[in-house]
Protein backbone atom coordinates (compact mmCIF):
# COMPACT_ATOMS: atom_id res chain seq x y z
CA MET A 1 47.45 -76.35 -30.44
CA LYS A 2 46.44 -74.69 -33.65
CA MET A 3 42.87 -75.90 -33.13
CA LYS A 4 42.72 -74.28 -29.66
CA ASN A 5 43.94 -70.96 -31.02
CA LYS A 6 41.31 -71.04 -33.73
CA VAL A 7 38.59 -71.74 -31.17
CA LYS A 8 39.80 -68.82 -29.03
CA TYR A 9 39.84 -66.57 -32.08
CA PHE A 10 36.31 -67.43 -33.04
CA LEU A 11 35.08 -66.93 -29.44
CA ILE A 12 36.69 -63.49 -29.17
CA THR A 13 35.33 -62.47 -32.56
CA ALA A 14 31.82 -63.62 -31.62
CA LEU A 15 31.93 -61.71 -28.32
CA ALA A 16 33.11 -58.55 -30.07
CA VAL A 17 30.33 -58.75 -32.67
CA THR A 18 27.74 -59.33 -29.94
CA ALA A 19 28.98 -56.30 -27.98
CA VAL A 20 28.78 -54.08 -31.06
CA VAL A 21 25.23 -55.27 -31.80
CA LEU A 22 24.09 -54.70 -28.21
CA PHE A 23 25.67 -51.24 -28.03
CA THR A 24 24.08 -50.23 -31.34
CA ALA A 25 20.67 -51.45 -30.18
CA CYS A 26 20.97 -49.62 -26.88
CA GLU A 27 22.10 -46.46 -28.63
CA GLU A 28 19.08 -46.58 -30.93
CA ASN A 29 16.58 -47.15 -28.11
CA PHE A 30 18.08 -45.03 -25.37
CA THR A 31 17.96 -41.26 -25.22
CA PHE A 32 19.73 -39.17 -22.65
CA PRO A 33 17.44 -36.87 -20.63
CA GLU A 34 17.67 -33.24 -21.65
CA ARG A 35 19.26 -31.01 -19.11
CA PRO A 36 16.67 -28.45 -17.93
CA LEU A 37 17.42 -24.84 -18.71
CA PRO A 38 18.23 -22.75 -15.67
CA GLU A 39 15.19 -20.88 -14.38
CA GLU A 40 15.30 -17.11 -14.57
CA SER A 41 15.35 -15.58 -11.11
CA ILE A 42 12.37 -13.35 -10.41
CA VAL A 43 13.28 -10.16 -8.55
CA ILE A 44 10.59 -8.68 -6.32
CA PRO A 45 11.33 -4.93 -6.48
CA VAL A 46 11.44 -2.51 -3.56
CA GLU A 47 8.48 -0.12 -3.38
CA ARG A 48 9.47 2.13 -0.49
CA ILE A 49 11.39 2.43 2.78
CA THR A 50 9.60 3.46 5.97
CA GLY A 51 10.48 3.82 9.62
CA ILE A 52 13.01 6.67 9.27
CA PRO A 53 12.58 9.49 11.85
CA ILE A 54 11.85 12.95 10.55
CA GLY A 55 13.62 14.64 13.45
CA SER A 56 16.23 14.20 16.15
CA VAL A 57 17.97 16.09 18.94
CA SER A 58 21.45 17.53 18.49
CA GLY A 59 24.11 15.30 19.98
CA LEU A 60 21.88 12.21 20.00
CA GLU A 61 22.94 9.15 18.01
CA ILE A 62 20.08 7.59 16.06
CA THR A 63 20.03 4.29 14.22
CA LEU A 64 18.76 4.40 10.65
CA SER A 65 17.14 0.99 10.58
CA GLY A 66 14.33 1.44 8.06
CA THR A 67 11.70 -1.06 6.95
CA VAL A 68 11.85 -2.17 3.31
CA LEU A 69 8.49 -2.77 1.64
CA PRO A 70 7.17 -5.06 0.44
CA GLU A 71 8.35 -7.42 3.14
CA ASN A 72 9.27 -10.09 0.56
CA ALA A 73 11.42 -7.79 -1.59
CA THR A 74 14.37 -9.71 -3.00
CA ASN A 75 17.08 -7.23 -2.01
CA LYS A 76 16.67 -5.29 1.25
CA ARG A 77 20.16 -4.23 2.36
CA ILE A 78 20.24 -0.43 2.75
CA GLU A 79 23.36 1.64 2.20
CA TRP A 80 23.18 5.17 3.66
CA SER A 81 24.93 8.34 2.55
CA ILE A 82 24.72 12.02 3.50
CA THR A 83 23.80 14.17 0.50
CA GLY A 84 23.24 17.47 2.32
CA ASN A 85 24.61 18.40 5.71
CA GLY A 86 23.31 21.48 7.46
CA ALA A 87 23.78 20.18 10.99
CA GLY A 88 27.40 18.99 11.16
CA ALA A 89 26.27 15.37 11.01
CA THR A 90 28.45 12.28 10.86
CA LEU A 91 27.39 8.89 9.56
CA VAL A 92 29.02 5.59 10.46
CA LYS A 93 27.26 2.79 8.59
CA ASN A 94 23.67 3.41 9.81
CA LYS A 95 24.51 5.45 12.93
CA LEU A 96 23.78 9.17 12.50
CA THR A 97 24.88 11.90 14.91
CA ALA A 98 24.37 15.64 14.38
CA GLU A 99 25.98 18.23 16.65
CA ASN A 100 24.10 21.31 15.42
CA ASN A 101 20.57 22.34 14.62
CA GLY A 102 19.59 22.12 10.97
CA THR A 103 18.56 19.60 8.33
CA VAL A 104 20.43 16.49 7.26
CA ALA A 105 19.63 15.15 3.79
CA LEU A 106 20.17 11.40 3.42
CA THR A 107 19.93 8.93 0.57
CA ALA A 108 19.12 5.26 1.03
CA LEU A 109 20.38 2.94 -1.71
CA ILE A 110 19.49 -0.71 -2.24
CA LYS A 111 21.64 -2.35 -4.90
CA ASN A 112 19.55 -4.18 -7.52
CA GLY A 113 16.49 -3.06 -5.56
CA LEU A 114 14.39 -2.61 -8.71
CA GLY A 115 15.90 -5.47 -10.65
CA GLU A 116 19.20 -6.83 -11.86
CA GLY A 117 21.46 -3.85 -12.53
CA GLU A 118 18.86 -1.28 -11.39
CA ASP A 119 19.28 0.20 -7.92
CA TYR A 120 16.55 1.64 -5.71
CA THR A 121 17.12 5.05 -4.08
CA GLN A 122 15.00 7.13 -1.71
CA ASN A 123 15.76 10.50 -0.12
CA PHE A 124 15.03 11.54 3.45
CA ASN A 125 15.33 14.78 5.42
CA ILE A 126 15.91 14.72 9.18
CA THR A 127 15.48 17.94 11.14
CA ILE A 128 17.89 18.38 14.03
CA SER A 129 16.71 20.61 16.90
CA ALA A 130 17.74 21.36 20.44
CA GLU A 131 14.28 20.71 21.87
CA MET A 132 12.69 17.32 22.31
CA VAL A 133 8.90 17.43 21.80
CA PRO A 134 7.45 14.17 23.18
CA VAL A 135 4.31 12.38 21.99
CA ARG A 136 1.41 12.71 24.42
CA GLU A 137 -1.25 10.80 22.49
CA ILE A 138 -2.13 9.37 19.12
CA GLU A 139 -5.62 8.86 17.70
CA ILE A 140 -7.09 6.63 15.00
CA PRO A 141 -10.74 5.91 14.11
CA SER A 142 -12.47 3.73 16.68
CA THR A 143 -14.53 1.96 13.99
CA VAL A 144 -13.46 0.48 10.66
CA VAL A 145 -15.10 -1.75 8.07
CA VAL A 146 -14.05 -5.36 7.51
CA GLY A 147 -11.25 -5.51 4.94
CA ASP A 148 -8.20 -3.32 4.45
CA TYR A 149 -7.63 -0.04 6.27
CA GLU A 150 -4.58 2.23 6.18
CA LEU A 151 -3.67 3.34 9.70
CA ASN A 152 -3.07 7.11 9.66
CA ALA A 153 -2.65 8.44 13.18
CA ILE A 154 -3.25 11.97 14.46
CA PHE A 155 -0.55 13.12 16.88
CA THR A 156 -0.86 15.27 19.97
CA PRO A 157 1.02 17.54 19.88
CA SER A 158 1.18 17.82 16.12
CA ASN A 159 4.84 18.93 16.27
CA ALA A 160 6.04 15.87 18.20
CA LEU A 161 9.63 15.16 17.20
CA TYR A 162 9.31 11.42 16.59
CA LYS A 163 6.29 10.20 14.63
CA THR A 164 7.34 6.88 13.12
CA ILE A 165 4.89 4.24 14.37
CA VAL A 166 5.50 0.51 14.43
CA TRP A 167 2.10 -1.18 14.55
CA THR A 168 1.46 -4.64 16.03
CA VAL A 169 -1.70 -6.61 16.78
CA LYS A 170 -1.98 -7.13 20.53
CA ASP A 171 -5.32 -8.96 20.46
CA ALA A 172 -7.06 -9.81 17.17
CA GLY A 173 -10.17 -11.19 18.88
CA ALA A 174 -12.40 -12.78 16.24
CA THR A 175 -11.38 -10.28 13.53
CA GLY A 176 -8.44 -12.20 12.07
CA ALA A 177 -6.52 -8.91 12.12
CA THR A 178 -3.01 -8.65 10.67
CA ILE A 179 -0.65 -5.77 9.90
CA THR A 180 1.02 -5.71 6.48
CA ASN A 181 3.33 -3.19 4.81
CA GLY A 182 3.88 -1.44 8.10
CA SER A 183 0.54 0.32 8.49
CA ASN A 184 -2.15 -1.63 6.61
CA LEU A 185 -4.70 -3.27 8.91
CA THR A 186 -6.41 -6.27 7.32
CA THR A 187 -9.43 -7.90 8.95
CA THR A 188 -11.54 -10.84 7.83
CA SER A 189 -14.44 -10.71 10.27
CA THR A 190 -16.27 -8.40 12.62
CA GLY A 191 -15.32 -7.95 16.26
CA THR A 192 -12.86 -5.93 18.31
CA VAL A 193 -9.13 -5.68 17.72
CA ILE A 194 -6.53 -4.12 20.00
CA LEU A 195 -3.46 -2.60 18.34
CA THR A 196 -0.24 -1.41 19.92
CA ALA A 197 1.54 1.65 18.56
CA PHE A 198 5.28 1.87 19.30
CA ILE A 199 7.34 5.04 18.70
CA ALA A 200 11.06 4.81 19.37
CA ASN A 201 12.32 7.78 21.47
CA GLY A 202 8.76 9.11 21.53
CA LYS A 203 9.00 10.11 25.22
CA LEU A 204 11.50 12.25 27.06
CA ASN A 205 12.82 9.23 28.91
CA GLY A 206 12.45 6.55 26.26
CA ASP A 207 10.01 4.90 23.86
CA TYR A 208 6.30 5.67 23.57
CA THR A 209 3.67 2.90 23.44
CA GLN A 210 -0.12 3.09 23.33
CA ASP A 211 -2.86 0.50 22.94
CA LEU A 212 -5.84 1.38 20.76
CA GLU A 213 -9.12 -0.50 20.47
CA ILE A 214 -10.98 -0.67 17.16
CA ASP A 215 -14.43 -2.05 16.46
CA VAL A 216 -14.58 -3.87 13.11
CA VAL A 217 -18.04 -3.66 11.57
CA PRO A 218 -19.63 -5.11 8.40
CA PHE A 219 -19.90 -3.10 5.20
CA VAL A 220 -23.42 -1.71 4.63
CA PRO A 221 -24.03 -0.84 0.95
CA VAL A 222 -26.17 2.02 -0.40
CA THR A 223 -29.42 0.90 -1.99
CA GLU A 224 -30.99 4.24 -2.92
CA ILE A 225 -30.69 8.02 -2.78
CA THR A 226 -33.83 10.03 -2.31
CA VAL A 227 -33.51 13.62 -3.57
CA ILE A 228 -35.31 16.24 -1.54
CA SER A 229 -36.22 18.54 -4.38
CA ASP A 230 -38.97 19.25 -6.86
CA LYS A 231 -38.81 17.63 -10.26
CA ARG A 232 -39.83 21.02 -11.68
CA ILE A 233 -37.73 24.09 -10.85
CA ILE A 234 -39.53 27.33 -11.59
CA TYR A 235 -36.94 29.98 -10.89
CA TYR A 236 -34.20 31.05 -13.27
CA PRO A 237 -31.72 32.63 -13.46
CA TYR A 238 -31.24 31.26 -9.98
CA PHE A 239 -29.49 28.59 -7.98
CA TYR A 240 -30.77 25.47 -6.34
CA ILE A 241 -29.32 23.44 -3.44
CA LEU A 242 -29.41 19.69 -4.03
CA LYS A 243 -30.20 17.62 -0.97
CA GLY A 244 -30.25 13.85 -0.80
CA VAL A 245 -31.06 11.17 1.75
CA VAL A 246 -29.04 7.95 1.61
CA VAL A 247 -30.87 4.66 2.14
CA PRO A 248 -30.26 2.80 4.39
CA SER A 249 -29.42 5.37 7.03
CA ASP A 250 -26.60 3.21 8.41
CA ALA A 251 -24.83 2.80 5.06
CA THR A 252 -21.06 2.71 5.49
CA ASN A 253 -20.36 5.53 3.03
CA LYS A 254 -22.90 8.32 2.60
CA THR A 255 -21.05 11.29 1.09
CA ILE A 256 -22.79 12.33 -2.15
CA GLU A 257 -20.87 13.89 -5.03
CA TRP A 258 -23.11 15.68 -7.56
CA SER A 259 -22.41 16.15 -11.26
CA ILE A 260 -24.31 17.12 -14.41
CA THR A 261 -24.60 14.27 -16.88
CA ASN A 262 -26.61 16.21 -19.44
CA ALA A 263 -27.41 19.93 -19.11
CA GLY A 264 -29.72 19.88 -22.12
CA THR A 265 -30.68 23.41 -23.12
CA THR A 266 -30.68 24.73 -19.54
CA GLY A 267 -27.11 25.99 -19.48
CA ALA A 268 -26.93 24.68 -15.92
CA THR A 269 -23.66 24.43 -14.02
CA ILE A 270 -22.90 22.82 -10.70
CA ASN A 271 -20.52 23.62 -7.87
CA GLY A 272 -20.58 21.16 -5.01
CA ASN A 273 -24.29 20.64 -4.42
CA THR A 274 -25.38 24.00 -5.88
CA LEU A 275 -27.05 24.14 -9.30
CA THR A 276 -27.00 27.44 -11.19
CA PHE A 277 -29.30 28.14 -14.17
CA LEU A 278 -29.30 30.54 -17.10
CA HIS A 279 -32.36 32.00 -18.88
CA GLN A 280 -33.14 28.79 -20.70
CA GLU A 281 -35.93 26.29 -20.29
CA GLY A 282 -35.33 22.57 -20.56
CA THR A 283 -34.50 19.32 -18.80
CA LEU A 284 -31.22 18.33 -17.25
CA ILE A 285 -29.92 15.07 -15.82
CA ILE A 286 -27.79 15.09 -12.69
CA THR A 287 -25.87 12.16 -11.25
CA ALA A 288 -25.31 11.39 -7.59
CA THR A 289 -22.21 9.32 -6.82
CA ILE A 290 -21.13 7.75 -3.54
CA VAL A 291 -17.55 6.50 -3.67
CA ASN A 292 -17.36 2.89 -2.47
CA GLY A 293 -21.11 3.00 -1.97
CA VAL A 294 -21.77 -0.55 -3.19
CA SER A 295 -18.58 -2.10 -1.87
CA VAL A 296 -14.93 -1.24 -1.47
CA GLY A 297 -13.84 -0.41 -5.00
CA GLU A 298 -17.38 -0.11 -6.42
CA ASP A 299 -19.19 3.24 -6.43
CA TYR A 300 -22.94 3.78 -6.20
CA THR A 301 -24.47 6.07 -8.86
CA GLN A 302 -28.00 7.26 -9.48
CA ASP A 303 -29.39 9.67 -12.11
CA PHE A 304 -32.13 12.25 -11.58
CA GLU A 305 -34.08 14.27 -14.13
CA ILE A 306 -35.00 17.86 -13.34
CA TYR A 307 -37.14 20.19 -15.45
CA VAL A 308 -36.26 23.88 -15.53
CA GLY A 309 -38.89 26.37 -16.61
CA TYR A 310 -41.41 28.96 -15.57
């Protein structure tokens, strides 16, 4: 009996020692994975709010929907408040009704719109009148260059009450046209695109819609400016009109801006394209600049030397 107890004792002791050795070995060779630190949330701030009417008719309820830009802004929920009430207006959430003629001042607030703890606010004025002036027509350029173009419409009549346009692409054709940020037309290729302009309450009996066709053409850069003038100007004190010809003739941008790079001893000044000289002989250098002449974002410049004397 005693022998059996001793055997059991030794077996238990051996198992305990083995367990301790194994645990120690595992502890030395095993490391727990580090818990990753929580990632900081990146807030995409609000840049502006569009789509708010600038006018309304007394007694008419309008919905202050608003479009928050950029479209991927983190926080986009708008809270409205009346900050100035000259038209007896009432506001229930985003429903505005004004009983009298006048101006209603509103403030849109987006909590944490600029970042954590920093709200975004924007003020609007809505003119309330008794007369509804409907939109008859809107115009935009019929030709644009491949790339980005901001759609700025001309209204007829100019005093139309509702002028907030929602743009959509009806038919992109081969242009790859898209609308971003409410009114920016982006194209990737030449062709013809058809846009639809929508104006809520733009007509006497409802909404106004109009389709507009735009030809998208390639960008043609400026390669040279030829100045139609003599290199030697005899008359002073006098003035001289600078004239230039842009090459090629079908360049996309051809408006020349003149400036004096170095007047030398001539005392010359420039206003627009008119050079004016004092009673001094010498040589001056003028610079012709065409904004976006080489490409969108890159100007074309060219210097010219002119001698002033008798």
